[in-house]
Amino acid sequence: MVTQSLKRREAVFRAIADPTRRQILGLLRGRAHTVNEIAGNFRSSRPAISKHLRLLRSVGLVETRREGTARICRLNAEPLRAVDAWLHDYRRFWRESLRGLKRYVEDAR
């Protein structure tokens, strides 16, 4: 049985798999932007950028609020904790592998 948290984590991974969406998150890491400001950073059409933003909102990575006629977008990095948790075991693997390599090289001297 697939749990809700697993489904959510998979959705976050799918969302960040796209380079345009990762670039949008990078822009929002610095500060909040309007949808038009975000779209101005890409060659894609504004509707295409809006579609990317909708997907990022659906997984909780982007939050929006209205200010007059503008929509302000900001990053919500909380869902990325699932990615960090998944990577944790791989960090441990590489750390142990590098320690083993270091021991091997030192013993070979």
PDB file of N, CA and C in Angstrom:
ATOM      1  N   MET A   1       0.837  -1.176   0.000  1.00  0.00           N
ATOM      2  CA  MET A   1       0.000   0.000   0.000  1.00  0.00           C
ATOM      3  C   MET A   1       0.887   1.246   0.000  1.00  0.00           C
ATOM      4  N   VAL A   2       0.590   2.205  -0.863  1.00  0.00           N
ATOM      5  CA  VAL A   2       1.354   3.434  -0.964  1.00  0.00           C
ATOM      6  C   VAL A   2       0.774   4.455   0.011  1.00  0.00           C
ATOM      7  N   THR A   3       1.634   5.009   0.849  1.00  0.00           N
ATOM      8  CA  THR A   3       1.163   5.972   1.842  1.00  0.00           C
ATOM      9  C   THR A   3       1.049   7.362   1.226  1.00  0.00           C
ATOM     10  N   GLN A   4       0.314   8.226   1.911  1.00  0.00           N
ATOM     11  CA  GLN A   4       0.163   9.601   1.446  1.00  0.00           C
ATOM     12  C   GLN A   4       1.508  10.312   1.413  1.00  0.00           C
ATOM     13  N   SER A   5       2.360  10.079   2.429  1.00  0.00           N
ATOM     14  CA  SER A   5       3.655  10.759   2.454  1.00  0.00           C
ATOM     15  C   SER A   5       4.529  10.314   1.287  1.00  0.00           C
ATOM     16  N   LEU A   6       4.434   9.047   0.897  1.00  0.00           N
ATOM     17  CA  LEU A   6       5.193   8.564  -0.250  1.00  0.00           C
ATOM     18  C   LEU A   6       4.679   9.212  -1.532  1.00  0.00           C
ATOM     19  N   LYS A   7       3.364   9.311  -1.669  1.00  0.00           N
ATOM     20  CA  LYS A   7       2.787   9.970  -2.839  1.00  0.00           C
ATOM     21  C   LYS A   7       3.223  11.433  -2.908  1.00  0.00           C
ATOM     22  N   ARG A   8       3.219  12.094  -1.771  1.00  0.00           N
ATOM     23  CA  ARG A   8       3.619  13.500  -1.721  1.00  0.00           C
ATOM     24  C   ARG A   8       5.086  13.653  -2.099  1.00  0.00           C
ATOM     25  N   ARG A   9       5.935  12.768  -1.556  1.00  0.00           N
ATOM     26  CA  ARG A   9       7.367  12.828  -1.872  1.00  0.00           C
ATOM     27  C   ARG A   9       7.589  12.611  -3.368  1.00  0.00           C
ATOM     28  N   GLU A  10       6.885  11.641  -3.948  1.00  0.00           N
ATOM     29  CA  GLU A  10       7.013  11.377  -5.376  1.00  0.00           C
ATOM     30  C   GLU A  10       6.574  12.592  -6.196  1.00  0.00           C
ATOM     31  N   ALA A  11       5.530  13.270  -5.752  1.00  0.00           N
ATOM     32  CA  ALA A  11       5.060  14.462  -6.461  1.00  0.00           C
ATOM     33  C   ALA A  11       6.102  15.579  -6.407  1.00  0.00           C
ATOM     34  N   VAL A  12       6.770  15.724  -5.263  1.00  0.00           N
ATOM     35  CA  VAL A  12       7.828  16.735  -5.140  1.00  0.00           C
ATOM     36  C   VAL A  12       8.979  16.390  -6.078  1.00  0.00           C
ATOM     37  N   PHE A  13       9.375  15.117  -6.121  1.00  0.00           N
ATOM     38  CA  PHE A  13      10.445  14.704  -7.032  1.00  0.00           C
ATOM     39  C   PHE A  13      10.068  14.987  -8.488  1.00  0.00           C
ATOM     40  N   ARG A  14       8.845  14.701  -8.856  1.00  0.00           N
ATOM     41  CA  ARG A  14       8.406  14.977 -10.239  1.00  0.00           C
ATOM     42  C   ARG A  14       8.446  16.475 -10.518  1.00  0.00           C
ATOM     43  N   ALA A  15       8.046  17.265  -9.531  1.00  0.00           N
ATOM     44  CA  ALA A  15       8.023  18.719  -9.719  1.00  0.00           C
ATOM     45  C   ALA A  15       9.427  19.282  -9.931  1.00  0.00           C
ATOM     46  N   ILE A  16      10.394  18.799  -9.171  1.00  0.00           N
ATOM     47  CA  ILE A  16      11.742  19.362  -9.296  1.00  0.00           C
ATOM     48  C   ILE A  16      12.557  18.690 -10.399  1.00  0.00           C
ATOM     49  N   ALA A  17      11.972  17.704 -11.063  1.00  0.00           N
ATOM     50  CA  ALA A  17      12.679  17.043 -12.162  1.00  0.00           C
ATOM     51  C   ALA A  17      12.806  17.955 -13.378  1.00  0.00           C
ATOM     52  N   ASP A  18      11.941  18.926 -13.493  1.00  0.00           N
ATOM     53  CA  ASP A  18      11.946  19.814 -14.650  1.00  0.00           C
ATOM     54  C   ASP A  18      12.897  20.993 -14.424  1.00  0.00           C
ATOM     55  N   PRO A  19      13.823  21.262 -15.358  1.00  0.00           N
ATOM     56  CA  PRO A  19      14.788  22.347 -15.180  1.00  0.00           C
ATOM     57  C   PRO A  19      14.150  23.730 -15.055  1.00  0.00           C
ATOM     58  N   THR A  20      13.057  23.978 -15.763  1.00  0.00           N
ATOM     59  CA  THR A  20      12.395  25.284 -15.656  1.00  0.00           C
ATOM     60  C   THR A  20      11.840  25.480 -14.257  1.00  0.00           C
ATOM     61  N   ARG A  21      11.234  24.434 -13.710  1.00  0.00           N
ATOM     62  CA  ARG A  21      10.693  24.557 -12.350  1.00  0.00           C
ATOM     63  C   ARG A  21      11.807  24.748 -11.328  1.00  0.00           C
ATOM     64  N   ARG A  22      12.947  24.087 -11.536  1.00  0.00           N
ATOM     65  CA  ARG A  22      14.079  24.296 -10.619  1.00  0.00           C
ATOM     66  C   ARG A  22      14.577  25.736 -10.707  1.00  0.00           C
ATOM     67  N   GLN A  23      14.590  26.292 -11.915  1.00  0.00           N
ATOM     68  CA  GLN A  23      15.008  27.688 -12.070  1.00  0.00           C
ATOM     69  C   GLN A  23      14.025  28.633 -11.390  1.00  0.00           C
ATOM     70  N   ILE A  24      12.753  28.341 -11.491  1.00  0.00           N
ATOM     71  CA  ILE A  24      11.748  29.157 -10.801  1.00  0.00           C
ATOM     72  C   ILE A  24      11.994  29.120  -9.296  1.00  0.00           C
ATOM     73  N   LEU A  25      12.237  27.932  -8.754  1.00  0.00           N
ATOM     74  CA  LEU A  25      12.513  27.819  -7.318  1.00  0.00           C
ATOM     75  C   LEU A  25      13.764  28.598  -6.953  1.00  0.00           C
ATOM     76  N   GLY A  26      14.772  28.564  -7.835  1.00  0.00           N
ATOM     77  CA  GLY A  26      15.990  29.336  -7.589  1.00  0.00           C
ATOM     78  C   GLY A  26      15.719  30.824  -7.529  1.00  0.00           C
ATOM     79  N   LEU A  27      14.882  31.316  -8.418  1.00  0.00           N
ATOM     80  CA  LEU A  27      14.501  32.736  -8.384  1.00  0.00           C
ATOM     81  C   LEU A  27      13.804  33.081  -7.072  1.00  0.00           C
ATOM     82  N   LEU A  28      12.896  32.218  -6.671  1.00  0.00           N
ATOM     83  CA  LEU A  28      12.109  32.485  -5.464  1.00  0.00           C
ATOM     84  C   LEU A  28      12.913  32.303  -4.184  1.00  0.00           C
ATOM     85  N   ARG A  29      14.047  31.625  -4.286  1.00  0.00           N
ATOM     86  CA  ARG A  29      14.888  31.448  -3.103  1.00  0.00           C
ATOM     87  C   ARG A  29      15.395  32.808  -2.620  1.00  0.00           C
ATOM     88  N   GLY A  30      15.638  33.715  -3.555  1.00  0.00           N
ATOM     89  CA  GLY A  30      16.147  35.036  -3.194  1.00  0.00           C
ATOM     90  C   GLY A  30      15.097  35.945  -2.588  1.00  0.00           C
ATOM     91  N   ARG A  31      13.909  35.947  -3.189  1.00  0.00           N
ATOM     92  CA  ARG A  31      12.815  36.810  -2.712  1.00  0.00           C
ATOM     93  C   ARG A  31      11.543  36.427  -3.447  1.00  0.00           C
ATOM     94  N   ALA A  32      10.437  36.987  -2.990  1.00  0.00           N
ATOM     95  CA  ALA A  32       9.156  36.766  -3.659  1.00  0.00           C
ATOM     96  C   ALA A  32       9.155  37.536  -4.978  1.00  0.00           C
ATOM     97  N   HIS A  33       8.426  37.016  -5.957  1.00  0.00           N
ATOM     98  CA  HIS A  33       8.303  37.640  -7.276  1.00  0.00           C
ATOM     99  C   HIS A  33       6.849  37.583  -7.730  1.00  0.00           C
ATOM    100  N   THR A  34       6.479  38.529  -8.594  1.00  0.00           N
ATOM    101  CA  THR A  34       5.177  38.415  -9.241  1.00  0.00           C
ATOM    102  C   THR A  34       5.300  37.372 -10.354  1.00  0.00           C
ATOM    103  N   VAL A  35       4.158  36.888 -10.812  1.00  0.00           N
ATOM    104  CA  VAL A  35       4.160  35.929 -11.915  1.00  0.00           C
ATOM    105  C   VAL A  35       4.812  36.561 -13.142  1.00  0.00           C
ATOM    106  N   ASN A  36       4.526  37.835 -13.404  1.00  0.00           N
ATOM    107  CA  ASN A  36       5.132  38.511 -14.557  1.00  0.00           C
ATOM    108  C   ASN A  36       6.650  38.621 -14.421  1.00  0.00           C
ATOM    109  N   GLU A  37       7.137  38.892 -13.225  1.00  0.00           N
ATOM    110  CA  GLU A  37       8.596  38.951 -13.017  1.00  0.00           C
ATOM    111  C   GLU A  37       9.226  37.591 -13.292  1.00  0.00           C
ATOM    112  N   ILE A  38       8.582  36.557 -12.820  1.00  0.00           N
ATOM    113  CA  ILE A  38       9.102  35.208 -13.054  1.00  0.00           C
ATOM    114  C   ILE A  38       9.108  34.918 -14.549  1.00  0.00           C
ATOM    115  N   ALA A  39       7.985  35.169 -15.206  1.00  0.00           N
ATOM    116  CA  ALA A  39       7.872  34.885 -16.637  1.00  0.00           C
ATOM    117  C   ALA A  39       8.902  35.669 -17.448  1.00  0.00           C
ATOM    118  N   GLY A  40       9.261  36.858 -16.988  1.00  0.00           N
ATOM    119  CA  GLY A  40      10.241  37.682 -17.688  1.00  0.00           C
ATOM    120  C   GLY A  40      11.630  37.086 -17.726  1.00  0.00           C
ATOM    121  N   ASN A  41      11.889  36.084 -16.910  1.00  0.00           N
ATOM    122  CA  ASN A  41      13.199  35.432 -16.858  1.00  0.00           C
ATOM    123  C   ASN A  41      13.317  34.248 -17.815  1.00  0.00           C
ATOM    124  N   PHE A  42      12.257  33.962 -18.565  1.00  0.00           N
ATOM    125  CA  PHE A  42      12.235  32.770 -19.411  1.00  0.00           C
ATOM    126  C   PHE A  42      11.798  33.116 -20.822  1.00  0.00           C
ATOM    127  N   ARG A  43      12.226  32.296 -21.750  1.00  0.00           N
ATOM    128  CA  ARG A  43      11.779  32.436 -23.138  1.00  0.00           C
ATOM    129  C   ARG A  43      10.401  31.820 -23.340  1.00  0.00           C
ATOM    130  N   SER A  44       9.992  30.978 -22.425  1.00  0.00           N
ATOM    131  CA  SER A  44       8.677  30.334 -22.515  1.00  0.00           C
ATOM    132  C   SER A  44       7.576  31.378 -22.409  1.00  0.00           C
ATOM    133  N   SER A  45       6.401  31.018 -22.883  1.00  0.00           N
ATOM    134  CA  SER A  45       5.256  31.925 -22.791  1.00  0.00           C
ATOM    135  C   SER A  45       4.799  32.058 -21.334  1.00  0.00           C
ATOM    136  N   ARG A  46       4.075  33.132 -21.067  1.00  0.00           N
ATOM    137  CA  ARG A  46       3.547  33.320 -19.713  1.00  0.00           C
ATOM    138  C   ARG A  46       2.603  32.185 -19.328  1.00  0.00           C
ATOM    139  N   PRO A  47       1.720  31.712 -20.233  1.00  0.00           N
ATOM    140  CA  PRO A  47       0.872  30.568 -19.866  1.00  0.00           C
ATOM    141  C   PRO A  47       1.690  29.318 -19.508  1.00  0.00           C
ATOM    142  N   ALA A  48       2.813  29.101 -20.192  1.00  0.00           N
ATOM    143  CA  ALA A  48       3.652  27.940 -19.866  1.00  0.00           C
ATOM    144  C   ALA A  48       4.247  28.092 -18.475  1.00  0.00           C
ATOM    145  N   ILE A  49       4.692  29.306 -18.136  1.00  0.00           N
ATOM    146  CA  ILE A  49       5.252  29.551 -16.800  1.00  0.00           C
ATOM    147  C   ILE A  49       4.148  29.410 -15.751  1.00  0.00           C
ATOM    148  N   SER A  50       2.959  29.893 -16.060  1.00  0.00           N
ATOM    149  CA  SER A  50       1.833  29.744 -15.124  1.00  0.00           C
ATOM    150  C   SER A  50       1.527  28.276 -14.865  1.00  0.00           C
ATOM    151  N   LYS A  51       1.643  27.463 -15.890  1.00  0.00           N
ATOM    152  CA  LYS A  51       1.411  26.023 -15.721  1.00  0.00           C
ATOM    153  C   LYS A  51       2.463  25.427 -14.783  1.00  0.00           C
ATOM    154  N   HIS A  52       3.720  25.823 -14.953  1.00  0.00           N
ATOM    155  CA  HIS A  52       4.774  25.350 -14.050  1.00  0.00           C
ATOM    156  C   HIS A  52       4.483  25.803 -12.615  1.00  0.00           C
ATOM    157  N   LEU A  53       4.058  27.050 -12.465  1.00  0.00           N
ATOM    158  CA  LEU A  53       3.752  27.568 -11.130  1.00  0.00           C
ATOM    159  C   LEU A  53       2.584  26.820 -10.497  1.00  0.00           C
ATOM    160  N   ARG A  54       1.580  26.480 -11.285  1.00  0.00           N
ATOM    161  CA  ARG A  54       0.438  25.707 -10.751  1.00  0.00           C
ATOM    162  C   ARG A  54       0.897  24.362 -10.212  1.00  0.00           C
ATOM    163  N   LEU A  55       1.784  23.702 -10.961  1.00  0.00           N
ATOM    164  CA  LEU A  55       2.281  22.404 -10.500  1.00  0.00           C
ATOM    165  C   LEU A  55       3.098  22.585  -9.215  1.00  0.00           C
ATOM    166  N   LEU A  56       3.957  23.609  -9.171  1.00  0.00           N
ATOM    167  CA  LEU A  56       4.749  23.853  -7.957  1.00  0.00           C
ATOM    168  C   LEU A  56       3.845  24.184  -6.769  1.00  0.00           C
ATOM    169  N   ARG A  57       2.761  24.914  -7.018  1.00  0.00           N
ATOM    170  CA  ARG A  57       1.798  25.199  -5.948  1.00  0.00           C
ATOM    171  C   ARG A  57       1.100  23.939  -5.488  1.00  0.00           C
ATOM    172  N   SER A  58       0.786  23.049  -6.427  1.00  0.00           N
ATOM    173  CA  SER A  58       0.042  21.839  -6.075  1.00  0.00           C
ATOM    174  C   SER A  58       0.828  20.920  -5.144  1.00  0.00           C
ATOM    175  N   VAL A  59       2.159  20.974  -5.204  1.00  0.00           N
ATOM    176  CA  VAL A  59       2.972  20.152  -4.295  1.00  0.00           C
ATOM    177  C   VAL A  59       3.456  20.952  -3.090  1.00  0.00           C
ATOM    178  N   GLY A  60       3.045  22.219  -3.009  1.00  0.00           N
ATOM    179  CA  GLY A  60       3.365  23.026  -1.835  1.00  0.00           C
ATOM    180  C   GLY A  60       4.691  23.755  -1.885  1.00  0.00           C
ATOM    181  N   LEU A  61       5.399  23.713  -3.017  1.00  0.00           N
ATOM    182  CA  LEU A  61       6.696  24.388  -3.103  1.00  0.00           C
ATOM    183  C   LEU A  61       6.582  25.885  -3.333  1.00  0.00           C
ATOM    184  N   VAL A  62       5.451  26.337  -3.838  1.00  0.00           N
ATOM    185  CA  VAL A  62       5.219  27.759  -4.084  1.00  0.00           C
ATOM    186  C   VAL A  62       3.902  28.141  -3.430  1.00  0.00           C
ATOM    187  N   GLU A  63       3.920  29.279  -2.764  1.00  0.00           N
ATOM    188  CA  GLU A  63       2.702  29.844  -2.190  1.00  0.00           C
ATOM    189  C   GLU A  63       2.451  31.178  -2.876  1.00  0.00           C
ATOM    190  N   THR A  64       1.196  31.505  -3.100  1.00  0.00           N
ATOM    191  CA  THR A  64       0.876  32.764  -3.768  1.00  0.00           C
ATOM    192  C   THR A  64      -0.126  33.555  -2.953  1.00  0.00           C
ATOM    193  N   ARG A  65      -0.084  34.855  -3.169  1.00  0.00           N
ATOM    194  CA  ARG A  65      -1.076  35.754  -2.585  1.00  0.00           C
ATOM    195  C   ARG A  65      -1.352  36.866  -3.600  1.00  0.00           C
ATOM    196  N   ARG A  66      -2.510  37.440  -3.535  1.00  0.00           N
ATOM    197  CA  ARG A  66      -2.887  38.528  -4.444  1.00  0.00           C
ATOM    198  C   ARG A  66      -2.543  39.866  -3.806  1.00  0.00           C
ATOM    199  N   GLU A  67      -1.989  40.744  -4.627  1.00  0.00           N
ATOM    200  CA  GLU A  67      -1.796  42.146  -4.245  1.00  0.00           C
ATOM    201  C   GLU A  67      -2.330  42.972  -5.394  1.00  0.00           C
ATOM    202  N   GLY A  68      -3.531  43.472  -5.252  1.00  0.00           N
ATOM    203  CA  GLY A  68      -4.179  44.163  -6.360  1.00  0.00           C
ATOM    204  C   GLY A  68      -4.433  43.181  -7.487  1.00  0.00           C
ATOM    205  N   THR A  69      -3.902  43.495  -8.665  1.00  0.00           N
ATOM    206  CA  THR A  69      -4.084  42.595  -9.804  1.00  0.00           C
ATOM    207  C   THR A  69      -2.929  41.611  -9.954  1.00  0.00           C
ATOM    208  N   ALA A  70      -1.895  41.791  -9.159  1.00  0.00           N
ATOM    209  CA  ALA A  70      -0.703  40.927  -9.269  1.00  0.00           C
ATOM    210  C   ALA A  70      -0.812  39.736  -8.325  1.00  0.00           C
ATOM    211  N   ARG A  71      -0.216  38.631  -8.766  1.00  0.00           N
ATOM    212  CA  ARG A  71      -0.066  37.460  -7.889  1.00  0.00           C
ATOM    213  C   ARG A  71       1.388  37.386  -7.482  1.00  0.00           C
ATOM    214  N   ILE A  72       1.623  37.375  -6.178  1.00  0.00           N
ATOM    215  CA  ILE A  72       2.972  37.314  -5.625  1.00  0.00           C
ATOM    216  C   ILE A  72       3.260  35.863  -5.253  1.00  0.00           C
ATOM    217  N   CYS A  73       4.402  35.359  -5.721  1.00  0.00           N
ATOM    218  CA  CYS A  73       4.798  33.975  -5.445  1.00  0.00           C
ATOM    219  C   CYS A  73       5.991  33.969  -4.508  1.00  0.00           C
ATOM    220  N   ARG A  74       5.982  33.038  -3.587  1.00  0.00           N
ATOM    221  CA  ARG A  74       7.143  32.877  -2.707  1.00  0.00           C
ATOM    222  C   ARG A  74       7.428  31.396  -2.529  1.00  0.00           C
ATOM    223  N   LEU A  75       8.679  31.107  -2.223  1.00  0.00           N
ATOM    224  CA  LEU A  75       9.124  29.731  -2.028  1.00  0.00           C
ATOM    225  C   LEU A  75       8.675  29.208  -0.676  1.00  0.00           C
ATOM    226  N   ASN A  76       8.215  27.977  -0.655  1.00  0.00           N
ATOM    227  CA  ASN A  76       7.990  27.233   0.582  1.00  0.00           C
ATOM    228  C   ASN A  76       8.866  25.990   0.466  1.00  0.00           C
ATOM    229  N   ALA A  77      10.027  26.025   1.106  1.00  0.00           N
ATOM    230  CA  ALA A  77      11.005  24.943   0.957  1.00  0.00           C
ATOM    231  C   ALA A  77      10.687  23.706   1.789  1.00  0.00           C
ATOM    232  N   GLU A  78       9.691  23.765   2.621  1.00  0.00           N
ATOM    233  CA  GLU A  78       9.364  22.639   3.515  1.00  0.00           C
ATOM    234  C   GLU A  78       9.231  21.300   2.774  1.00  0.00           C
ATOM    235  N   PRO A  79       8.521  21.226   1.643  1.00  0.00           N
ATOM    236  CA  PRO A  79       8.414  19.933   0.954  1.00  0.00           C
ATOM    237  C   PRO A  79       9.762  19.361   0.498  1.00  0.00           C
ATOM    238  N   LEU A  80      10.781  20.203   0.388  1.00  0.00           N
ATOM    239  CA  LEU A  80      12.099  19.711  -0.022  1.00  0.00           C
ATOM    240  C   LEU A  80      12.773  18.885   1.080  1.00  0.00           C
ATOM    241  N   ARG A  81      12.241  18.928   2.280  1.00  0.00           N
ATOM    242  CA  ARG A  81      12.776  18.084   3.366  1.00  0.00           C
ATOM    243  C   ARG A  81      12.683  16.607   2.997  1.00  0.00           C
ATOM    244  N   ALA A  82      11.660  16.247   2.252  1.00  0.00           N
ATOM    245  CA  ALA A  82      11.507  14.851   1.821  1.00  0.00           C
ATOM    246  C   ALA A  82      12.654  14.455   0.903  1.00  0.00           C
ATOM    247  N   VAL A  83      13.078  15.359   0.045  1.00  0.00           N
ATOM    248  CA  VAL A  83      14.211  15.101  -0.847  1.00  0.00           C
ATOM    249  C   VAL A  83      15.485  14.971  -0.022  1.00  0.00           C
ATOM    250  N   ASP A  84      15.649  15.879   0.937  1.00  0.00           N
ATOM    251  CA  ASP A  84      16.829  15.840   1.801  1.00  0.00           C
ATOM    252  C   ASP A  84      16.892  14.532   2.586  1.00  0.00           C
ATOM    253  N   ALA A  85      15.769  14.085   3.104  1.00  0.00           N
ATOM    254  CA  ALA A  85      15.732  12.829   3.857  1.00  0.00           C
ATOM    255  C   ALA A  85      16.110  11.652   2.962  1.00  0.00           C
ATOM    256  N   TRP A  86      15.625  11.661   1.734  1.00  0.00           N
ATOM    257  CA  TRP A  86      15.951  10.586   0.800  1.00  0.00           C
ATOM    258  C   TRP A  86      17.440  10.596   0.479  1.00  0.00           C
ATOM    259  N   LEU A  87      18.019  11.770   0.329  1.00  0.00           N
ATOM    260  CA  LEU A  87      19.447  11.886   0.009  1.00  0.00           C
ATOM    261  C   LEU A  87      20.359  11.540   1.190  1.00  0.00           C
ATOM    262  N   HIS A  88      19.819  11.590   2.395  1.00  0.00           N
ATOM    263  CA  HIS A  88      20.612  11.345   3.601  1.00  0.00           C
ATOM    264  C   HIS A  88      21.389  10.025   3.528  1.00  0.00           C
ATOM    265  N   ASP A  89      20.721   8.963   3.143  1.00  0.00           N
ATOM    266  CA  ASP A  89      21.393   7.657   3.065  1.00  0.00           C
ATOM    267  C   ASP A  89      22.494   7.657   2.014  1.00  0.00           C
ATOM    268  N   TYR A  90      22.303   8.389   0.946  1.00  0.00           N
ATOM    269  CA  TYR A  90      23.330   8.457  -0.095  1.00  0.00           C
ATOM    270  C   TYR A  90      24.531   9.268   0.360  1.00  0.00           C
ATOM    271  N   ARG A  91      24.289  10.310   1.146  1.00  0.00           N
ATOM    272  CA  ARG A  91      25.412  11.071   1.712  1.00  0.00           C
ATOM    273  C   ARG A  91      26.251  10.162   2.599  1.00  0.00           C
ATOM    274  N   ARG A  92      25.584   9.358   3.400  1.00  0.00           N
ATOM    275  CA  ARG A  92      26.287   8.422   4.269  1.00  0.00           C
ATOM    276  C   ARG A  92      27.096   7.426   3.432  1.00  0.00           C
ATOM    277  N   PHE A  93      26.492   6.906   2.352  1.00  0.00           N
ATOM    278  CA  PHE A  93      27.164   5.966   1.467  1.00  0.00           C
ATOM    279  C   PHE A  93      28.444   6.581   0.903  1.00  0.00           C
ATOM    280  N   TRP A  94      28.338   7.810   0.385  1.00  0.00           N
ATOM    281  CA  TRP A  94      29.517   8.442  -0.218  1.00  0.00           C
ATOM    282  C   TRP A  94      30.568   8.770   0.827  1.00  0.00           C
ATOM    283  N   ARG A  95      30.150   9.187   2.000  1.00  0.00           N
ATOM    284  CA  ARG A  95      31.099   9.490   3.072  1.00  0.00           C
ATOM    285  C   ARG A  95      31.882   8.233   3.435  1.00  0.00           C
ATOM    286  N   GLU A  96      31.175   7.111   3.594  1.00  0.00           N
ATOM    287  CA  GLU A  96      31.842   5.852   3.932  1.00  0.00           C
ATOM    288  C   GLU A  96      32.726   5.373   2.789  1.00  0.00           C
ATOM    289  N   SER A  97      32.265   5.545   1.553  1.00  0.00           N
ATOM    290  CA  SER A  97      33.075   5.152   0.397  1.00  0.00           C
ATOM    291  C   SER A  97      34.358   5.968   0.318  1.00  0.00           C
ATOM    292  N   LEU A  98      34.257   7.258   0.575  1.00  0.00           N
ATOM    293  CA  LEU A  98      35.453   8.111   0.529  1.00  0.00           C
ATOM    294  C   LEU A  98      36.410   7.793   1.671  1.00  0.00           C
ATOM    295  N   ARG A  99      35.876   7.455   2.834  1.00  0.00           N
ATOM    296  CA  ARG A  99      36.743   7.046   3.946  1.00  0.00           C
ATOM    297  C   ARG A  99      37.494   5.764   3.578  1.00  0.00           C
ATOM    298  N   GLY A 100      36.774   4.819   2.956  1.00  0.00           N
ATOM    299  CA  GLY A 100      37.405   3.570   2.524  1.00  0.00           C
ATOM    300  C   GLY A 100      38.490   3.825   1.495  1.00  0.00           C
ATOM    301  N   LEU A 101      38.242   4.723   0.565  1.00  0.00           N
ATOM    302  CA  LEU A 101      39.252   5.076  -0.432  1.00  0.00           C
ATOM    303  C   LEU A 101      40.463   5.717   0.229  1.00  0.00           C
ATOM    304  N   LYS A 102      40.211   6.591   1.180  1.00  0.00           N
ATOM    305  CA  LYS A 102      41.311   7.246   1.896  1.00  0.00           C
ATOM    306  C   LYS A 102      42.168   6.203   2.611  1.00  0.00           C
ATOM    307  N   ARG A 103      41.534   5.273   3.314  1.00  0.00           N
ATOM    308  CA  ARG A 103      42.287   4.207   4.013  1.00  0.00           C
ATOM    309  C   ARG A 103      43.085   3.382   3.023  1.00  0.00           C
ATOM    310  N   TYR A 104      42.474   3.055   1.893  1.00  0.00           N
ATOM    311  CA  TYR A 104      43.155   2.250   0.870  1.00  0.00           C
ATOM    312  C   TYR A 104      44.405   2.973   0.363  1.00  0.00           C
ATOM    313  N   VAL A 105      44.258   4.260   0.062  1.00  0.00           N
ATOM    314  CA  VAL A 105      45.393   5.029  -0.458  1.00  0.00           C
ATOM    315  C   VAL A 105      46.484   5.160   0.598  1.00  0.00           C
ATOM    316  N   GLU A 106      46.094   5.405   1.845  1.00  0.00           N
ATOM    317  CA  GLU A 106      47.088   5.532   2.903  1.00  0.00           C
ATOM    318  C   GLU A 106      47.806   4.222   3.169  1.00  0.00           C
ATOM    319  N   ASP A 107      47.086   3.091   3.077  1.00  0.00           N
ATOM    320  CA  ASP A 107      47.708   1.784   3.295  1.00  0.00           C
ATOM    321  C   ASP A 107      48.638   1.412   2.144  1.00  0.00           C
ATOM    322  N   ALA A 108      48.351   1.907   0.953  1.00  0.00           N
ATOM    323  CA  ALA A 108      49.158   1.571  -0.224  1.00  0.00           C
ATOM    324  C   ALA A 108      50.492   2.310  -0.243  1.00  0.00           C
ATOM    325  N   ARG A 109      50.642   3.315   0.568  1.00  0.00           N
ATOM    326  CA  ARG A 109      51.891   4.095   0.582  1.00  0.00           C
ATOM    327  C   ARG A 109      53.003   3.310   1.145  1.00  0.00           C
TER     328      ARG A 109
END
